[in-house]
Amino acid sequence: MINEYLAFISYKREDEKWAKWLQHKLEHYKLPTSVRKTNPSLPERVRPVFKDTTDLAGGVLEKAIKEALYFSKYLIVICSPRAAQSPWVCKEVQEFINFGREEFIIPFIVDGEPNSKDLNKECFPESLRTLIGEKELLGININENGRDVASIKVVARMFNIQFDTLWQRYQRELARRKRIVITGIIIFISLISLIAMLIGAQNIEIKNKKSEIEEKYRIINEQNEQIQKSKEQIQKQLDITEQQRDSLEYLASELNKKNRILKEVNDSLVKVKTANIEITANLKVAEQLNKEFQLRIKEVQAERDEANKKREKIQIERDEIEKRRLELQKQLNNQNIKFNLQ
């Protein structure tokens, strides 16, 4: 007969968590390579394992359940007081016995006691209790052995392998996995420490750059203050020049008045020829004053041109300083963006 399943797990619905746990434990257990080398017929993993998740109806085992039982090499019975009182578990066990394979039944005790005088503690279904004498089966008790030991004992019984052989290799595998986990933890901690050191170094570098930028800002502020002072001084000079221009305009106005007077005098001299010499002298004086006035105007214009040149020079310096301030502000913003991203 070809076995479609390595094992069939029979259980009461209240014990389903144990059935799921055992199915997962078996199907994910890998037989040691050295054991399979000595017996090449052994599978690499304990799978597939059948676990019924449907309800039985009408008190009769469904066809699918019967077929699964028939094509399963082993029957693993999750034994508990609840299973002992379940007619469905009893029928599945009896069906497997009827196939003549009672020696392939593995009782897996999760609660209660087998063949107990107290029916409330009895964990074997009635069909298992009928096996007596040479056919009597020994259960694997999870409460006495612990989960890992119990699951390994199931594998050992299924493949007729000495328990110590599987258990020692299982423990070595656990130790190997622990070493891998510990090594991984050490590597992870080392990486975290390295990252922390790198972040610390970057923070120090950022602080240094921030200090440099702050120092540059301080220098720029001092330069701005100096420029402001220069601007105030230039403004004072401009005010003085403005006052001088007002004075010159006043002088020009006065000169115009004098010119008008001279004109009147000249008109009078035309009428009075006898005053010609005096008028001529006055005209010479007026011409001299006019020359002085023109010279003074040129001097004032030169001073205004000089003031305008100074003002243009100051404006160029202010534009250069503003350009430097914007570049420094851009560098500071880029540094802040990098810092925020990190």
Protein backbone atom coordinates (compact mmCIF):
# COMPACT_ATOMS: atom_id res chain seq x y z
CA MET A 1 0.00 0.00 0.00
CA ILE A 2 1.28 3.48 -0.92
CA ASN A 3 1.01 5.95 1.98
CA GLU A 4 -0.27 9.34 0.89
CA TYR A 5 0.32 10.77 4.39
CA LEU A 6 3.07 10.00 6.88
CA ALA A 7 0.65 10.54 9.72
CA PHE A 8 -2.99 11.25 10.54
CA ILE A 9 -3.66 13.39 13.64
CA SER A 10 -6.87 12.50 15.48
CA TYR A 11 -8.08 14.98 18.10
CA LYS A 12 -11.06 16.52 19.86
CA ARG A 13 -11.97 20.01 18.72
CA GLU A 14 -11.09 21.45 22.16
CA ASP A 15 -7.52 20.12 21.64
CA GLU A 16 -7.13 21.59 18.16
CA LYS A 17 -4.36 23.95 19.28
CA TRP A 18 -2.24 20.90 20.22
CA ALA A 19 -3.02 19.24 16.88
CA LYS A 20 -1.99 22.39 14.97
CA TRP A 21 1.18 22.74 17.04
CA LEU A 22 2.22 19.11 16.53
CA GLN A 23 1.44 19.22 12.79
CA HIS A 24 3.59 22.34 12.38
CA LYS A 25 6.37 20.86 14.53
CA LEU A 26 6.48 17.62 12.53
CA GLU A 27 6.21 19.14 9.05
CA HIS A 28 8.97 21.65 9.79
CA TYR A 29 11.33 19.15 11.39
CA LYS A 30 14.27 18.20 9.19
CA LEU A 31 15.81 14.77 9.68
CA PRO A 32 19.61 14.93 10.21
CA THR A 33 21.63 14.34 7.04
CA SER A 34 23.83 11.75 8.77
CA VAL A 35 20.75 9.71 9.73
CA ARG A 36 19.39 9.82 6.17
CA LYS A 37 22.76 8.73 4.80
CA THR A 38 22.58 5.53 6.84
CA ASN A 39 18.99 5.00 5.70
CA PRO A 40 18.39 6.63 2.27
CA SER A 41 14.71 5.66 2.32
CA LEU A 42 14.01 8.21 5.06
CA PRO A 43 12.40 11.49 3.89
CA GLU A 44 14.07 14.82 4.47
CA ARG A 45 11.04 16.20 6.31
CA VAL A 46 8.09 14.70 8.19
CA ARG A 47 5.39 15.61 5.73
CA PRO A 48 2.64 15.53 4.73
CA VAL A 49 0.66 15.16 7.98
CA PHE A 50 -3.15 15.02 7.76
CA LYS A 51 -5.22 17.02 10.28
CA ASP A 52 -8.99 16.94 9.81
CA THR A 53 -10.63 20.36 10.11
CA THR A 54 -14.18 19.26 9.18
CA ASP A 55 -17.00 18.02 11.44
CA LEU A 56 -18.30 14.47 11.24
CA ALA A 57 -22.01 14.03 10.53
CA GLY A 58 -24.55 11.29 11.14
CA GLY A 59 -22.25 9.34 13.48
CA VAL A 60 -20.43 7.79 10.53
CA LEU A 61 -16.84 8.52 9.45
CA GLU A 62 -16.92 10.43 6.21
CA LYS A 63 -15.40 8.87 3.13
CA ALA A 64 -12.59 11.44 2.99
CA ILE A 65 -11.63 10.73 6.60
CA LYS A 66 -11.63 6.98 5.99
CA GLU A 67 -9.44 7.39 2.92
CA ALA A 68 -7.04 9.65 4.79
CA LEU A 69 -6.83 7.10 7.62
CA TYR A 70 -6.29 4.27 5.16
CA PHE A 71 -3.54 6.07 3.26
CA SER A 72 -1.74 7.30 6.43
CA LYS A 73 1.20 5.29 7.74
CA TYR A 74 0.79 6.43 11.35
CA LEU A 75 -2.12 7.55 13.48
CA ILE A 76 -1.20 10.12 16.11
CA VAL A 77 -3.93 10.47 18.73
CA ILE A 78 -4.03 13.70 20.79
CA CYS A 79 -5.00 12.10 24.11
CA SER A 80 -6.86 14.02 26.82
CA PRO A 81 -9.96 13.50 28.99
CA ARG A 82 -11.85 15.36 26.28
CA ALA A 83 -10.61 13.01 23.55
CA ALA A 84 -11.38 9.98 25.75
CA GLN A 85 -15.04 11.00 25.79
CA SER A 86 -15.21 11.80 22.07
CA PRO A 87 -17.00 9.14 19.97
CA TRP A 88 -15.39 10.55 16.80
CA VAL A 89 -11.83 10.12 18.07
CA CYS A 90 -12.73 6.61 19.25
CA LYS A 91 -14.15 5.75 15.81
CA GLU A 92 -11.05 7.05 14.00
CA VAL A 93 -8.80 4.94 16.28
CA GLN A 94 -11.01 1.88 15.87
CA GLU A 95 -11.05 2.32 12.08
CA PHE A 96 -7.22 2.38 12.06
CA ILE A 97 -7.16 -0.75 14.27
CA ASN A 98 -9.56 -2.44 11.88
CA PHE A 99 -6.98 -1.88 9.14
CA GLY A 100 -4.69 -4.12 11.22
CA ARG A 101 -2.17 -1.34 11.95
CA GLU A 102 -2.51 -0.84 15.69
CA GLU A 103 1.31 -0.96 16.05
CA PHE A 104 1.43 2.26 14.00
CA ILE A 105 -0.69 4.19 16.52
CA ILE A 106 1.18 6.83 18.59
CA PRO A 107 -0.74 8.20 21.62
CA PHE A 108 0.32 11.82 22.28
CA ILE A 109 -0.81 12.73 25.81
CA VAL A 110 -1.48 16.43 26.45
CA ASP A 111 -3.69 16.06 29.55
CA GLY A 112 -4.97 13.37 31.92
CA GLU A 113 -3.67 9.86 32.62
CA PRO A 114 -3.81 6.70 30.48
CA ASN A 115 -5.73 3.69 31.88
CA SER A 116 -6.74 5.72 34.93
CA LYS A 117 -9.22 4.45 37.52
CA ASP A 118 -10.71 7.95 37.58
CA LEU A 119 -12.79 8.32 34.41
CA ASN A 120 -12.53 12.11 34.67
CA LYS A 121 -8.74 11.80 34.30
CA GLU A 122 -8.73 9.05 31.68
CA CYS A 123 -7.12 10.31 28.44
CA PHE A 124 -7.19 7.18 26.22
CA PRO A 125 -10.24 6.69 23.99
CA GLU A 126 -12.05 3.41 24.64
CA SER A 127 -10.71 1.84 21.45
CA LEU A 128 -7.12 2.39 22.72
CA ARG A 129 -7.93 0.92 26.14
CA THR A 130 -9.02 -2.31 24.46
CA LEU A 131 -5.43 -2.87 23.31
CA ILE A 132 -3.94 -4.90 26.13
CA GLY A 133 -1.07 -7.27 26.57
CA GLU A 134 1.43 -7.17 23.73
CA LYS A 135 -0.76 -4.75 21.84
CA GLU A 136 -0.87 -2.24 24.68
CA LEU A 137 0.54 1.11 23.55
CA LEU A 138 2.79 3.48 25.49
CA GLY A 139 1.92 7.10 25.17
CA ILE A 140 4.27 10.04 24.78
CA ASN A 141 3.40 12.45 27.60
CA ILE A 142 4.14 16.08 26.83
CA ASN A 143 3.76 17.07 30.48
CA GLU A 144 6.46 14.62 31.59
CA ASN A 145 8.91 15.14 28.74
CA GLY A 146 8.33 18.75 27.62
CA ARG A 147 7.23 19.86 24.17
CA ASP A 148 10.52 19.51 22.29
CA VAL A 149 11.35 16.11 23.74
CA ALA A 150 7.82 14.84 23.08
CA SER A 151 7.85 15.95 19.44
CA ILE A 152 11.29 14.34 18.86
CA LYS A 153 10.04 11.11 20.46
CA VAL A 154 7.15 11.07 17.97
CA VAL A 155 9.63 11.37 15.05
CA ALA A 156 11.88 8.68 16.58
CA ARG A 157 8.96 6.27 16.93
CA MET A 158 7.66 6.99 13.41
CA PHE A 159 10.99 6.16 11.74
CA ASN A 160 12.28 3.61 14.30
CA ILE A 161 15.29 5.78 15.15
CA GLN A 162 16.93 5.91 18.58
CA PHE A 163 15.65 8.94 20.45
CA ASP A 164 19.12 9.87 21.78
CA THR A 165 20.45 10.10 18.22
CA LEU A 166 17.78 12.60 17.18
CA TRP A 167 17.76 14.48 20.47
CA GLN A 168 21.52 15.04 20.57
CA ARG A 169 21.48 16.35 17.01
CA TYR A 170 18.43 18.46 17.80
CA GLN A 171 20.25 20.02 20.76
CA ARG A 172 23.33 20.66 18.62
CA GLU A 173 21.13 22.33 16.02
CA LEU A 174 19.52 24.48 18.69
CA ALA A 175 22.97 25.44 19.99
CA ARG A 176 24.07 26.28 16.43
CA ARG A 177 21.01 28.45 15.91
CA LYS A 178 21.62 30.19 19.23
CA ARG A 179 25.21 30.89 18.17
CA ILE A 180 23.94 32.31 14.87
CA VAL A 181 21.41 34.48 16.71
CA ILE A 182 24.03 35.67 19.22
CA THR A 183 26.48 36.40 16.38
CA GLY A 184 23.75 38.29 14.54
CA ILE A 185 22.96 40.28 17.68
CA ILE A 186 26.65 41.11 18.18
CA ILE A 187 26.96 42.21 14.54
CA PHE A 188 23.76 44.25 14.85
CA ILE A 189 25.00 45.95 18.04
CA SER A 190 28.36 46.63 16.37
CA LEU A 191 26.63 48.18 13.37
CA ILE A 192 24.43 50.29 15.65
CA SER A 193 27.54 51.45 17.56
CA LEU A 194 29.33 52.26 14.30
CA ILE A 195 26.32 54.19 13.02
CA ALA A 196 26.11 56.04 16.33
CA MET A 197 29.80 56.96 16.06
CA LEU A 198 29.34 58.17 12.48
CA ILE A 199 26.30 60.20 13.47
CA GLY A 200 28.27 61.66 16.39
CA ALA A 201 31.13 62.61 14.09
CA GLN A 202 28.71 64.18 11.62
CA ASN A 203 27.06 66.12 14.44
CA ILE A 204 30.45 67.44 15.55
CA GLU A 205 31.25 68.44 11.96
CA ILE A 206 27.87 70.14 11.61
CA LYS A 207 28.43 72.01 14.89
CA ASN A 208 31.86 73.14 13.68
CA LYS A 209 30.43 74.33 10.36
CA LYS A 210 27.61 76.05 12.20
CA SER A 211 30.17 77.82 14.39
CA GLU A 212 32.11 78.89 11.29
CA ILE A 213 28.95 80.23 9.68
CA GLU A 214 28.00 82.07 12.87
CA GLU A 215 31.48 83.60 12.96
CA LYS A 216 31.11 84.71 9.33
CA TYR A 217 27.73 86.20 10.17
CA ARG A 218 29.31 88.05 13.08
CA ILE A 219 32.01 89.48 10.76
CA ILE A 220 29.36 90.46 8.21
CA ASN A 221 27.32 92.19 10.92
CA GLU A 222 30.41 94.10 12.01
CA GLN A 223 31.07 95.08 8.40
CA ASN A 224 27.43 96.14 8.05
CA GLU A 225 27.80 98.29 11.13
CA GLN A 226 30.94 99.88 9.67
CA ILE A 227 29.14 100.46 6.38
CA GLN A 228 26.24 102.02 8.25
CA LYS A 229 28.63 104.35 10.03
CA SER A 230 30.29 105.24 6.71
CA LYS A 231 26.87 105.83 5.23
CA GLU A 232 25.98 108.17 8.08
CA GLN A 233 29.25 110.06 7.62
CA ILE A 234 28.64 110.36 3.87
CA GLN A 235 25.12 111.52 4.57
CA LYS A 236 26.50 114.18 6.87
CA GLN A 237 28.88 115.26 4.10
CA LEU A 238 25.97 115.33 1.67
CA ASP A 239 24.00 117.45 4.10
CA ILE A 240 26.95 119.86 4.39
CA THR A 241 27.24 119.96 0.61
CA GLU A 242 23.53 120.63 0.38
CA GLN A 243 23.89 123.48 2.83
CA GLN A 244 26.81 124.83 0.79
CA ARG A 245 24.71 124.62 -2.36
CA ASP A 246 21.94 126.51 -0.62
CA SER A 247 24.49 129.12 0.39
CA LEU A 248 25.73 129.37 -3.20
CA GLU A 249 22.18 129.72 -4.45
CA TYR A 250 21.67 132.46 -1.95
CA LEU A 251 24.87 134.13 -3.14
CA ALA A 252 23.71 133.75 -6.71
CA SER A 253 20.43 135.33 -5.78
CA GLU A 254 22.23 138.17 -4.11
CA LEU A 255 24.49 138.47 -7.13
CA ASN A 256 21.48 138.69 -9.37
CA LYS A 257 20.16 141.45 -7.24
CA LYS A 258 23.47 143.21 -7.53
CA ASN A 259 23.43 142.71 -11.27
CA ARG A 260 20.05 144.32 -11.42
CA ILE A 261 21.37 147.18 -9.40
CA LEU A 262 24.38 147.43 -11.72
CA LYS A 263 22.06 147.43 -14.68
CA GLU A 264 20.08 150.24 -13.17
CA VAL A 265 23.33 152.03 -12.48
CA ASN A 266 24.47 151.41 -16.04
CA ASP A 267 21.22 152.81 -17.30
CA SER A 268 21.78 155.79 -15.12
CA LEU A 269 25.36 156.13 -16.46
CA VAL A 270 23.99 156.18 -19.97
CA LYS A 271 21.92 159.08 -18.97
CA VAL A 272 24.68 160.53 -16.93
CA LYS A 273 27.83 160.39 -19.00
CA THR A 274 29.72 162.12 -16.32
CA ALA A 275 29.40 158.99 -14.18
CA ASN A 276 30.84 156.77 -16.92
CA ILE A 277 34.16 156.11 -15.24
CA GLU A 278 32.49 155.07 -11.99
CA ILE A 279 30.06 152.83 -13.74
CA THR A 280 32.91 151.22 -15.73
CA ALA A 281 34.74 150.50 -12.48
CA ASN A 282 31.62 148.99 -10.99
CA LEU A 283 31.22 146.79 -14.04
CA LYS A 284 34.77 145.53 -13.63
CA VAL A 285 34.01 144.74 -10.01
CA ALA A 286 30.87 142.92 -11.07
CA GLU A 287 32.79 140.92 -13.65
CA GLN A 288 35.33 139.97 -11.03
CA LEU A 289 32.58 138.87 -8.70
CA ASN A 290 31.01 136.89 -11.50
CA LYS A 291 34.27 135.10 -12.17
CA GLU A 292 34.60 134.30 -8.49
CA PHE A 293 31.04 133.07 -8.48
CA GLN A 294 31.67 130.85 -11.50
CA LEU A 295 34.79 129.45 -9.87
CA ARG A 296 32.84 128.81 -6.71
CA ILE A 297 30.14 127.03 -8.67
CA LYS A 298 32.75 124.81 -10.32
CA GLU A 299 34.24 123.99 -6.92
CA VAL A 300 30.81 123.08 -5.55
CA GLN A 301 30.09 120.95 -8.63
CA ALA A 302 33.44 119.15 -8.17
CA GLU A 303 32.57 118.46 -4.54
CA ARG A 304 29.16 117.08 -5.57
CA ASP A 305 30.79 114.85 -8.19
CA GLU A 306 33.22 113.58 -5.56
CA ALA A 307 30.36 112.91 -3.17
CA ASN A 308 28.45 111.02 -5.88
CA LYS A 309 31.52 108.88 -6.61
CA LYS A 310 31.83 108.04 -2.92
CA ARG A 311 28.13 107.19 -2.81
CA GLU A 312 28.47 104.87 -5.83
CA LYS A 313 31.53 103.20 -4.25
CA ILE A 314 29.62 102.61 -1.02
CA GLN A 315 26.66 101.17 -2.96
CA ILE A 316 29.01 98.73 -4.76
CA GLU A 317 30.46 97.66 -1.39
CA ARG A 318 26.94 97.19 0.01
CA ASP A 319 25.94 95.05 -2.99
CA GLU A 320 29.06 92.90 -2.58
CA ILE A 321 28.39 92.40 1.13
CA GLU A 322 24.74 91.54 0.41
CA LYS A 323 25.90 88.99 -2.18
CA ARG A 324 28.26 87.40 0.36
CA ARG A 325 25.50 87.35 2.98
CA LEU A 326 23.12 85.54 0.57
CA GLU A 327 25.82 82.95 -0.29
CA LEU A 328 26.45 82.28 3.39
CA GLN A 329 22.70 82.02 4.03
CA LYS A 330 22.44 79.47 1.17
CA GLN A 331 25.30 77.40 2.67
CA LEU A 332 23.62 77.47 6.08
CA ASN A 333 20.29 76.35 4.57
CA ASN A 334 22.01 73.46 2.70
CA GLN A 335 23.71 72.37 5.92
CA ASN A 336 20.41 72.49 7.80
CA ILE A 337 18.73 70.41 5.06
CA LYS A 338 21.49 67.78 5.23
CA PHE A 339 21.20 67.72 9.01
CA ASN A 340 17.43 67.27 8.88
CA LEU A 341 17.74 64.44 6.31
CA GLN A 342 20.23 62.64 8.54
